[in-house]
Amino acid sequence: LNTRKGGFRTFAKVRGDGIAVCRREKDGAWELIPIVGERFGFDIPGLTKIDIKRLTATALSEDGRELGPAELLRDGKFLSVKTVPGAFSYRIRAK
């Protein structure tokens, strides 16, 4: 996601108000990395249709240490997390 021109934008697979990355990890989890802005959501393959109660989100430091749980949010097909102070990224996985 890159909305350098500002404002909240919605595309087919992502929406938000800044710059963010969603990438798949080798173990099958997904990492969300907000770079600029705090509002973002991704249509994540394989997770969008899973009941949100069957997913977990963990806040991570820049060096990959777990900081604790993060609140996972869903709005339609888009998944996002409520940002945690000091977190660099968030790992999402099915339980």
PDB file of N, CA and C in Angstrom:
ATOM      1  N   LEU A   1       0.853  -1.175   0.000  1.00  0.00           N
ATOM      2  CA  LEU A   1       0.000   0.000   0.000  1.00  0.00           C
ATOM      3  C   LEU A   1       0.889   1.225   0.000  1.00  0.00           C
ATOM      4  N   ASN A   2       0.590   2.162  -0.870  1.00  0.00           N
ATOM      5  CA  ASN A   2       1.340   3.410  -0.906  1.00  0.00           C
ATOM      6  C   ASN A   2       0.392   4.519  -1.347  1.00  0.00           C
ATOM      7  N   THR A   3      -0.049   5.322  -0.393  1.00  0.00           N
ATOM      8  CA  THR A   3      -0.936   6.444  -0.711  1.00  0.00           C
ATOM      9  C   THR A   3      -0.204   7.744  -0.415  1.00  0.00           C
ATOM     10  N   ARG A   4       0.917   7.952  -1.070  1.00  0.00           N
ATOM     11  CA  ARG A   4       1.747   9.131  -0.830  1.00  0.00           C
ATOM     12  C   ARG A   4       0.992  10.429  -1.054  1.00  0.00           C
ATOM     13  N   LYS A   5      -0.029  10.406  -1.893  1.00  0.00           N
ATOM     14  CA  LYS A   5      -0.779  11.628  -2.169  1.00  0.00           C
ATOM     15  C   LYS A   5      -1.727  11.974  -1.027  1.00  0.00           C
ATOM     16  N   GLY A   6      -1.768  11.134  -0.018  1.00  0.00           N
ATOM     17  CA  GLY A   6      -2.569  11.417   1.168  1.00  0.00           C
ATOM     18  C   GLY A   6      -3.990  10.907   1.066  1.00  0.00           C
ATOM     19  N   GLY A   7      -4.634  10.856   2.211  1.00  0.00           N
ATOM     20  CA  GLY A   7      -6.014  10.412   2.270  1.00  0.00           C
ATOM     21  C   GLY A   7      -6.146   8.910   2.348  1.00  0.00           C
ATOM     22  N   PHE A   8      -7.308   8.485   2.742  1.00  0.00           N
ATOM     23  CA  PHE A   8      -7.616   7.063   2.855  1.00  0.00           C
ATOM     24  C   PHE A   8      -8.028   6.560   1.481  1.00  0.00           C
ATOM     25  N   ARG A   9      -7.383   5.491   1.004  1.00  0.00           N
ATOM     26  CA  ARG A   9      -7.662   4.937  -0.324  1.00  0.00           C
ATOM     27  C   ARG A   9      -8.022   3.461  -0.189  1.00  0.00           C
ATOM     28  N   THR A  10      -8.904   2.991  -1.051  1.00  0.00           N
ATOM     29  CA  THR A  10      -9.295   1.581  -1.079  1.00  0.00           C
ATOM     30  C   THR A  10      -9.030   1.016  -2.464  1.00  0.00           C
ATOM     31  N   PHE A  11      -8.343  -0.138  -2.486  1.00  0.00           N
ATOM     32  CA  PHE A  11      -8.059  -0.875  -3.713  1.00  0.00           C
ATOM     33  C   PHE A  11      -8.643  -2.279  -3.548  1.00  0.00           C
ATOM     34  N   ALA A  12      -8.508  -3.129  -4.543  1.00  0.00           N
ATOM     35  CA  ALA A  12      -9.106  -4.469  -4.496  1.00  0.00           C
ATOM     36  C   ALA A  12      -8.597  -5.310  -3.325  1.00  0.00           C
ATOM     37  N   LYS A  13      -7.309  -5.254  -3.012  1.00  0.00           N
ATOM     38  CA  LYS A  13      -6.717  -6.129  -1.995  1.00  0.00           C
ATOM     39  C   LYS A  13      -6.178  -5.401  -0.772  1.00  0.00           C
ATOM     40  N   VAL A  14      -6.226  -4.067  -0.775  1.00  0.00           N
ATOM     41  CA  VAL A  14      -5.639  -3.301   0.325  1.00  0.00           C
ATOM     42  C   VAL A  14      -6.305  -1.937   0.432  1.00  0.00           C
ATOM     43  N   ARG A  15      -6.278  -1.392   1.630  1.00  0.00           N
ATOM     44  CA  ARG A  15      -6.747  -0.024   1.819  1.00  0.00           C
ATOM     45  C   ARG A  15      -6.014   0.593   3.003  1.00  0.00           C
ATOM     46  N   GLY A  16      -5.958   1.917   3.014  1.00  0.00           N
ATOM     47  CA  GLY A  16      -5.297   2.584   4.125  1.00  0.00           C
ATOM     48  C   GLY A  16      -5.015   4.039   3.844  1.00  0.00           C
ATOM     49  N   ASP A  17      -4.255   4.642   4.767  1.00  0.00           N
ATOM     50  CA  ASP A  17      -3.969   6.074   4.681  1.00  0.00           C
ATOM     51  C   ASP A  17      -2.479   6.383   4.625  1.00  0.00           C
ATOM     52  N   GLY A  18      -1.670   5.468   4.215  1.00  0.00           N
ATOM     53  CA  GLY A  18      -0.227   5.717   4.186  1.00  0.00           C
ATOM     54  C   GLY A  18       0.511   4.638   3.421  1.00  0.00           C
ATOM     55  N   ILE A  19       1.572   4.141   4.034  1.00  0.00           N
ATOM     56  CA  ILE A  19       2.394   3.103   3.408  1.00  0.00           C
ATOM     57  C   ILE A  19       2.457   1.918   4.361  1.00  0.00           C
ATOM     58  N   ALA A  20       2.173   0.722   3.856  1.00  0.00           N
ATOM     59  CA  ALA A  20       2.229  -0.499   4.658  1.00  0.00           C
ATOM     60  C   ALA A  20       2.568  -1.680   3.751  1.00  0.00           C
ATOM     61  N   VAL A  21       3.114  -2.719   4.369  1.00  0.00           N
ATOM     62  CA  VAL A  21       3.504  -3.926   3.642  1.00  0.00           C
ATOM     63  C   VAL A  21       2.845  -5.127   4.307  1.00  0.00           C
ATOM     64  N   CYS A  22       2.411  -6.076   3.511  1.00  0.00           N
ATOM     65  CA  CYS A  22       1.906  -7.356   4.009  1.00  0.00           C
ATOM     66  C   CYS A  22       2.686  -8.445   3.288  1.00  0.00           C
ATOM     67  N   ARG A  23       3.386  -9.284   4.045  1.00  0.00           N
ATOM     68  CA  ARG A  23       4.192 -10.322   3.395  1.00  0.00           C
ATOM     69  C   ARG A  23       3.993 -11.658   4.096  1.00  0.00           C
ATOM     70  N   ARG A  24       4.093 -12.714   3.312  1.00  0.00           N
ATOM     71  CA  ARG A  24       3.952 -14.067   3.841  1.00  0.00           C
ATOM     72  C   ARG A  24       5.287 -14.540   4.372  1.00  0.00           C
ATOM     73  N   GLU A  25       5.267 -15.168   5.551  1.00  0.00           N
ATOM     74  CA  GLU A  25       6.480 -15.722   6.138  1.00  0.00           C
ATOM     75  C   GLU A  25       6.611 -17.184   5.754  1.00  0.00           C
ATOM     76  N   LYS A  26       7.801 -17.728   5.907  1.00  0.00           N
ATOM     77  CA  LYS A  26       8.067 -19.118   5.512  1.00  0.00           C
ATOM     78  C   LYS A  26       7.193 -20.126   6.245  1.00  0.00           C
ATOM     79  N   ASP A  27       6.804 -19.810   7.500  1.00  0.00           N
ATOM     80  CA  ASP A  27       5.996 -20.752   8.289  1.00  0.00           C
ATOM     81  C   ASP A  27       4.497 -20.634   8.013  1.00  0.00           C
ATOM     82  N   GLY A  28       4.120 -19.773   7.046  1.00  0.00           N
ATOM     83  CA  GLY A  28       2.721 -19.630   6.676  1.00  0.00           C
ATOM     84  C   GLY A  28       2.006 -18.476   7.354  1.00  0.00           C
ATOM     85  N   ALA A  29       2.652 -17.845   8.331  1.00  0.00           N
ATOM     86  CA  ALA A  29       2.068 -16.662   8.968  1.00  0.00           C
ATOM     87  C   ALA A  29       2.214 -15.473   8.023  1.00  0.00           C
ATOM     88  N   TRP A  30       1.547 -14.378   8.358  1.00  0.00           N
ATOM     89  CA  TRP A  30       1.629 -13.147   7.575  1.00  0.00           C
ATOM     90  C   TRP A  30       2.141 -12.035   8.478  1.00  0.00           C
ATOM     91  N   GLU A  31       3.008 -11.187   7.936  1.00  0.00           N
ATOM     92  CA  GLU A  31       3.520 -10.052   8.693  1.00  0.00           C
ATOM     93  C   GLU A  31       2.993  -8.761   8.078  1.00  0.00           C
ATOM     94  N   LEU A  32       2.376  -7.923   8.918  1.00  0.00           N
ATOM     95  CA  LEU A  32       1.906  -6.606   8.499  1.00  0.00           C
ATOM     96  C   LEU A  32       2.888  -5.578   9.044  1.00  0.00           C
ATOM     97  N   ILE A  33       3.384  -4.712   8.157  1.00  0.00           N
ATOM     98  CA  ILE A  33       4.377  -3.716   8.546  1.00  0.00           C
ATOM     99  C   ILE A  33       3.849  -2.328   8.170  1.00  0.00           C
ATOM    100  N   PRO A  34       3.310  -1.587   9.134  1.00  0.00           N
ATOM    101  CA  PRO A  34       2.895  -0.217   8.837  1.00  0.00           C
ATOM    102  C   PRO A  34       4.124   0.682   8.815  1.00  0.00           C
ATOM    103  N   ILE A  35       4.268   1.482   7.773  1.00  0.00           N
ATOM    104  CA  ILE A  35       5.442   2.347   7.648  1.00  0.00           C
ATOM    105  C   ILE A  35       5.059   3.796   7.918  1.00  0.00           C
ATOM    106  N   VAL A  36       4.008   4.258   7.284  1.00  0.00           N
ATOM    107  CA  VAL A  36       3.481   5.605   7.492  1.00  0.00           C
ATOM    108  C   VAL A  36       1.974   5.477   7.632  1.00  0.00           C
ATOM    109  N   GLY A  37       1.392   6.107   8.632  1.00  0.00           N
ATOM    110  CA  GLY A  37      -0.048   6.014   8.845  1.00  0.00           C
ATOM    111  C   GLY A  37      -0.376   4.880   9.803  1.00  0.00           C
ATOM    112  N   GLU A  38      -1.593   4.877  10.290  1.00  0.00           N
ATOM    113  CA  GLU A  38      -2.011   3.850  11.244  1.00  0.00           C
ATOM    114  C   GLU A  38      -3.221   3.060  10.800  1.00  0.00           C
ATOM    115  N   ARG A  39      -3.908   3.523   9.766  1.00  0.00           N
ATOM    116  CA  ARG A  39      -5.111   2.825   9.315  1.00  0.00           C
ATOM    117  C   ARG A  39      -4.792   2.080   8.032  1.00  0.00           C
ATOM    118  N   PHE A  40      -4.864   0.766   8.094  1.00  0.00           N
ATOM    119  CA  PHE A  40      -4.607  -0.051   6.912  1.00  0.00           C
ATOM    120  C   PHE A  40      -5.338  -1.379   7.070  1.00  0.00           C
ATOM    121  N   GLY A  41      -5.634  -2.012   5.970  1.00  0.00           N
ATOM    122  CA  GLY A  41      -6.270  -3.319   5.982  1.00  0.00           C
ATOM    123  C   GLY A  41      -5.900  -4.073   4.726  1.00  0.00           C
ATOM    124  N   PHE A  42      -5.759  -5.379   4.848  1.00  0.00           N
ATOM    125  CA  PHE A  42      -5.363  -6.220   3.723  1.00  0.00           C
ATOM    126  C   PHE A  42      -6.343  -7.370   3.545  1.00  0.00           C
ATOM    127  N   ASP A  43      -6.619  -7.718   2.317  1.00  0.00           N
ATOM    128  CA  ASP A  43      -7.373  -8.919   1.960  1.00  0.00           C
ATOM    129  C   ASP A  43      -6.320 -10.016   1.850  1.00  0.00           C
ATOM    130  N   ILE A  44      -6.091 -10.741   2.939  1.00  0.00           N
ATOM    131  CA  ILE A  44      -4.995 -11.711   3.024  1.00  0.00           C
ATOM    132  C   ILE A  44      -5.459 -13.077   2.553  1.00  0.00           C
ATOM    133  N   PRO A  45      -4.825 -13.615   1.498  1.00  0.00           N
ATOM    134  CA  PRO A  45      -5.220 -14.927   0.971  1.00  0.00           C
ATOM    135  C   PRO A  45      -5.212 -16.005   2.064  1.00  0.00           C
ATOM    136  N   GLY A  46      -6.275 -16.764   2.133  1.00  0.00           N
ATOM    137  CA  GLY A  46      -6.365 -17.859   3.091  1.00  0.00           C
ATOM    138  C   GLY A  46      -6.851 -17.453   4.473  1.00  0.00           C
ATOM    139  N   LEU A  47      -6.813 -16.164   4.811  1.00  0.00           N
ATOM    140  CA  LEU A  47      -7.243 -15.729   6.142  1.00  0.00           C
ATOM    141  C   LEU A  47      -8.531 -14.930   6.120  1.00  0.00           C
ATOM    142  N   THR A  48      -8.854 -14.336   5.010  1.00  0.00           N
ATOM    143  CA  THR A  48     -10.009 -13.445   4.921  1.00  0.00           C
ATOM    144  C   THR A  48     -11.308 -14.142   5.299  1.00  0.00           C
ATOM    145  N   LYS A  49     -11.460 -15.395   4.938  1.00  0.00           N
ATOM    146  CA  LYS A  49     -12.720 -16.100   5.197  1.00  0.00           C
ATOM    147  C   LYS A  49     -12.730 -16.876   6.509  1.00  0.00           C
ATOM    148  N   ILE A  50     -11.613 -16.884   7.235  1.00  0.00           N
ATOM    149  CA  ILE A  50     -11.549 -17.583   8.519  1.00  0.00           C
ATOM    150  C   ILE A  50     -12.169 -16.699   9.600  1.00  0.00           C
ATOM    151  N   ASP A  51     -12.956 -17.303  10.484  1.00  0.00           N
ATOM    152  CA  ASP A  51     -13.545 -16.579  11.609  1.00  0.00           C
ATOM    153  C   ASP A  51     -12.425 -15.880  12.379  1.00  0.00           C
ATOM    154  N   ILE A  52     -12.591 -14.609  12.669  1.00  0.00           N
ATOM    155  CA  ILE A  52     -11.550 -13.821  13.331  1.00  0.00           C
ATOM    156  C   ILE A  52     -11.163 -14.423  14.690  1.00  0.00           C
ATOM    157  N   LYS A  53     -12.063 -15.159  15.317  1.00  0.00           N
ATOM    158  CA  LYS A  53     -11.765 -15.806  16.595  1.00  0.00           C
ATOM    159  C   LYS A  53     -10.738 -16.924  16.437  1.00  0.00           C
ATOM    160  N   ARG A  54     -10.528 -17.386  15.209  1.00  0.00           N
ATOM    161  CA  ARG A  54      -9.557 -18.455  14.948  1.00  0.00           C
ATOM    162  C   ARG A  54      -8.216 -17.918  14.466  1.00  0.00           C
ATOM    163  N   LEU A  55      -8.015 -16.586  14.604  1.00  0.00           N
ATOM    164  CA  LEU A  55      -6.764 -15.946  14.202  1.00  0.00           C
ATOM    165  C   LEU A  55      -6.124 -15.264  15.400  1.00  0.00           C
ATOM    166  N   THR A  56      -4.800 -15.158  15.384  1.00  0.00           N
ATOM    167  CA  THR A  56      -4.084 -14.416  16.418  1.00  0.00           C
ATOM    168  C   THR A  56      -3.206 -13.363  15.761  1.00  0.00           C
ATOM    169  N   ALA A  57      -2.984 -12.280  16.485  1.00  0.00           N
ATOM    170  CA  ALA A  57      -2.081 -11.216  16.036  1.00  0.00           C
ATOM    171  C   ALA A  57      -1.109 -10.929  17.172  1.00  0.00           C
ATOM    172  N   THR A  58       0.172 -10.850  16.841  1.00  0.00           N
ATOM    173  CA  THR A  58       1.222 -10.589  17.818  1.00  0.00           C
ATOM    174  C   THR A  58       2.017  -9.373  17.383  1.00  0.00           C
ATOM    175  N   ALA A  59       2.213  -8.416  18.295  1.00  0.00           N
ATOM    176  CA  ALA A  59       3.043  -7.246  18.017  1.00  0.00           C
ATOM    177  C   ALA A  59       4.510  -7.652  18.128  1.00  0.00           C
ATOM    178  N   LEU A  60       5.331  -7.155  17.190  1.00  0.00           N
ATOM    179  CA  LEU A  60       6.762  -7.478  17.162  1.00  0.00           C
ATOM    180  C   LEU A  60       7.601  -6.206  17.206  1.00  0.00           C
ATOM    181  N   SER A  61       8.775  -6.309  17.837  1.00  0.00           N
ATOM    182  CA  SER A  61       9.734  -5.211  17.820  1.00  0.00           C
ATOM    183  C   SER A  61      10.492  -5.246  16.491  1.00  0.00           C
ATOM    184  N   GLU A  62      11.310  -4.238  16.242  1.00  0.00           N
ATOM    185  CA  GLU A  62      12.063  -4.187  14.991  1.00  0.00           C
ATOM    186  C   GLU A  62      13.035  -5.362  14.856  1.00  0.00           C
ATOM    187  N   ASP A  63      13.525  -5.890  15.983  1.00  0.00           N
ATOM    188  CA  ASP A  63      14.439  -7.038  15.920  1.00  0.00           C
ATOM    189  C   ASP A  63      13.701  -8.382  16.001  1.00  0.00           C
ATOM    190  N   GLY A  64      12.360  -8.349  15.912  1.00  0.00           N
ATOM    191  CA  GLY A  64      11.573  -9.578  15.849  1.00  0.00           C
ATOM    192  C   GLY A  64      11.114 -10.132  17.181  1.00  0.00           C
ATOM    193  N   ARG A  65      11.424  -9.458  18.285  1.00  0.00           N
ATOM    194  CA  ARG A  65      10.959  -9.937  19.595  1.00  0.00           C
ATOM    195  C   ARG A  65       9.453  -9.751  19.718  1.00  0.00           C
ATOM    196  N   GLU A  66       8.790 -10.704  20.332  1.00  0.00           N
ATOM    197  CA  GLU A  66       7.353 -10.587  20.568  1.00  0.00           C
ATOM    198  C   GLU A  66       7.106  -9.605  21.708  1.00  0.00           C
ATOM    199  N   LEU A  67       6.248  -8.625  21.462  1.00  0.00           N
ATOM    200  CA  LEU A  67       5.899  -7.635  22.475  1.00  0.00           C
ATOM    201  C   LEU A  67       4.605  -7.970  23.185  1.00  0.00           C
ATOM    202  N   GLY A  68       3.819  -8.853  22.593  1.00  0.00           N
ATOM    203  CA  GLY A  68       2.542  -9.230  23.185  1.00  0.00           C
ATOM    204  C   GLY A  68       1.457  -9.277  22.135  1.00  0.00           C
ATOM    205  N   PRO A  69       0.246  -9.597  22.562  1.00  0.00           N
ATOM    206  CA  PRO A  69      -0.856  -9.705  21.609  1.00  0.00           C
ATOM    207  C   PRO A  69      -1.288  -8.341  21.066  1.00  0.00           C
ATOM    208  N   ALA A  70      -1.846  -8.364  19.881  1.00  0.00           N
ATOM    209  CA  ALA A  70      -2.434  -7.176  19.266  1.00  0.00           C
ATOM    210  C   ALA A  70      -3.877  -7.520  18.915  1.00  0.00           C
ATOM    211  N   GLU A  71      -4.726  -6.529  18.959  1.00  0.00           N
ATOM    212  CA  GLU A  71      -6.133  -6.751  18.626  1.00  0.00           C
ATOM    213  C   GLU A  71      -6.300  -6.817  17.111  1.00  0.00           C
ATOM    214  N   LEU A  72      -6.867  -7.898  16.647  1.00  0.00           N
ATOM    215  CA  LEU A  72      -7.117  -8.103  15.227  1.00  0.00           C
ATOM    216  C   LEU A  72      -8.505  -7.576  14.891  1.00  0.00           C
ATOM    217  N   LEU A  73      -8.595  -6.844  13.789  1.00  0.00           N
ATOM    218  CA  LEU A  73      -9.858  -6.229  13.376  1.00  0.00           C
ATOM    219  C   LEU A  73     -10.236  -6.699  11.975  1.00  0.00           C
ATOM    220  N   ARG A  74     -11.532  -6.793  11.709  1.00  0.00           N
ATOM    221  CA  ARG A  74     -12.011  -7.152  10.378  1.00  0.00           C
ATOM    222  C   ARG A  74     -13.103  -6.170   9.980  1.00  0.00           C
ATOM    223  N   ASP A  75     -12.994  -5.709   8.741  1.00  0.00           N
ATOM    224  CA  ASP A  75     -14.035  -4.864   8.160  1.00  0.00           C
ATOM    225  C   ASP A  75     -14.282  -5.408   6.763  1.00  0.00           C
ATOM    226  N   GLY A  76     -15.346  -6.178   6.624  1.00  0.00           N
ATOM    227  CA  GLY A  76     -15.584  -6.855   5.349  1.00  0.00           C
ATOM    228  C   GLY A  76     -14.481  -7.863   5.093  1.00  0.00           C
ATOM    229  N   LYS A  77     -13.848  -7.780   3.940  1.00  0.00           N
ATOM    230  CA  LYS A  77     -12.775  -8.724   3.599  1.00  0.00           C
ATOM    231  C   LYS A  77     -11.400  -8.271   4.092  1.00  0.00           C
ATOM    232  N   PHE A  78     -11.316  -7.085   4.680  1.00  0.00           N
ATOM    233  CA  PHE A  78     -10.024  -6.531   5.079  1.00  0.00           C
ATOM    234  C   PHE A  78      -9.690  -6.833   6.538  1.00  0.00           C
ATOM    235  N   LEU A  79      -8.461  -7.336   6.769  1.00  0.00           N
ATOM    236  CA  LEU A  79      -7.951  -7.574   8.115  1.00  0.00           C
ATOM    237  C   LEU A  79      -6.933  -6.503   8.452  1.00  0.00           C
ATOM    238  N   SER A  80      -6.954  -6.067   9.705  1.00  0.00           N
ATOM    239  CA  SER A  80      -5.970  -5.105  10.182  1.00  0.00           C
ATOM    240  C   SER A  80      -5.757  -5.340  11.667  1.00  0.00           C
ATOM    241  N   VAL A  81      -4.838  -4.609  12.255  1.00  0.00           N
ATOM    242  CA  VAL A  81      -4.594  -4.706  13.690  1.00  0.00           C
ATOM    243  C   VAL A  81      -4.688  -3.316  14.301  1.00  0.00           C
ATOM    244  N   LYS A  82      -5.080  -3.286  15.555  1.00  0.00           N
ATOM    245  CA  LYS A  82      -5.044  -2.034  16.315  1.00  0.00           C
ATOM    246  C   LYS A  82      -3.589  -1.849  16.728  1.00  0.00           C
ATOM    247  N   THR A  83      -2.995  -0.732  16.341  1.00  0.00           N
ATOM    248  CA  THR A  83      -1.565  -0.555  16.574  1.00  0.00           C
ATOM    249  C   THR A  83      -1.226  -0.566  18.065  1.00  0.00           C
ATOM    250  N   VAL A  84      -0.039  -1.095  18.361  1.00  0.00           N
ATOM    251  CA  VAL A  84       0.478  -1.197  19.716  1.00  0.00           C
ATOM    252  C   VAL A  84       1.682  -0.264  19.817  1.00  0.00           C
ATOM    253  N   PRO A  85       1.729   0.609  20.829  1.00  0.00           N
ATOM    254  CA  PRO A  85       2.875   1.510  20.968  1.00  0.00           C
ATOM    255  C   PRO A  85       4.203   0.740  20.989  1.00  0.00           C
ATOM    256  N   GLY A  86       5.170   1.181  20.204  1.00  0.00           N
ATOM    257  CA  GLY A  86       6.490   0.552  20.157  1.00  0.00           C
ATOM    258  C   GLY A  86       6.609  -0.616  19.202  1.00  0.00           C
ATOM    259  N   ALA A  87       5.500  -1.060  18.626  1.00  0.00           N
ATOM    260  CA  ALA A  87       5.550  -2.203  17.705  1.00  0.00           C
ATOM    261  C   ALA A  87       6.050  -1.764  16.328  1.00  0.00           C
ATOM    262  N   PHE A  88       6.874  -2.589  15.731  1.00  0.00           N
ATOM    263  CA  PHE A  88       7.375  -2.364  14.372  1.00  0.00           C
ATOM    264  C   PHE A  88       6.471  -3.051  13.355  1.00  0.00           C
ATOM    265  N   SER A  89       6.016  -4.263  13.709  1.00  0.00           N
ATOM    266  CA  SER A  89       5.166  -5.036  12.796  1.00  0.00           C
ATOM    267  C   SER A  89       4.279  -5.968  13.602  1.00  0.00           C
ATOM    268  N   TYR A  90       3.441  -6.714  12.869  1.00  0.00           N
ATOM    269  CA  TYR A  90       2.461  -7.616  13.499  1.00  0.00           C
ATOM    270  C   TYR A  90       2.429  -8.922  12.735  1.00  0.00           C
ATOM    271  N   ARG A  91       2.433 -10.033  13.470  1.00  0.00           N
ATOM    272  CA  ARG A  91       2.358 -11.364  12.844  1.00  0.00           C
ATOM    273  C   ARG A  91       0.942 -11.894  13.039  1.00  0.00           C
ATOM    274  N   ILE A  92       0.322 -12.311  11.929  1.00  0.00           N
ATOM    275  CA  ILE A  92      -1.024 -12.871  11.974  1.00  0.00           C
ATOM    276  C   ILE A  92      -0.953 -14.329  11.526  1.00  0.00           C
ATOM    277  N   ARG A  93      -1.621 -15.172  12.293  1.00  0.00           N
ATOM    278  CA  ARG A  93      -1.668 -16.595  11.927  1.00  0.00           C
ATOM    279  C   ARG A  93      -2.951 -17.228  12.430  1.00  0.00           C
ATOM    280  N   ALA A  94      -3.302 -18.346  11.801  1.00  0.00           N
ATOM    281  CA  ALA A  94      -4.452 -19.122  12.262  1.00  0.00           C
ATOM    282  C   ALA A  94      -4.044 -19.915  13.487  1.00  0.00           C
ATOM    283  N   LYS A  95      -4.986 -20.075  14.436  1.00  0.00           N
ATOM    284  CA  LYS A  95      -4.704 -20.849  15.666  1.00  0.00           C
ATOM    285  C   LYS A  95      -4.599 -22.311  15.347  1.00  0.00           C
TER     286      LYS A  95
END
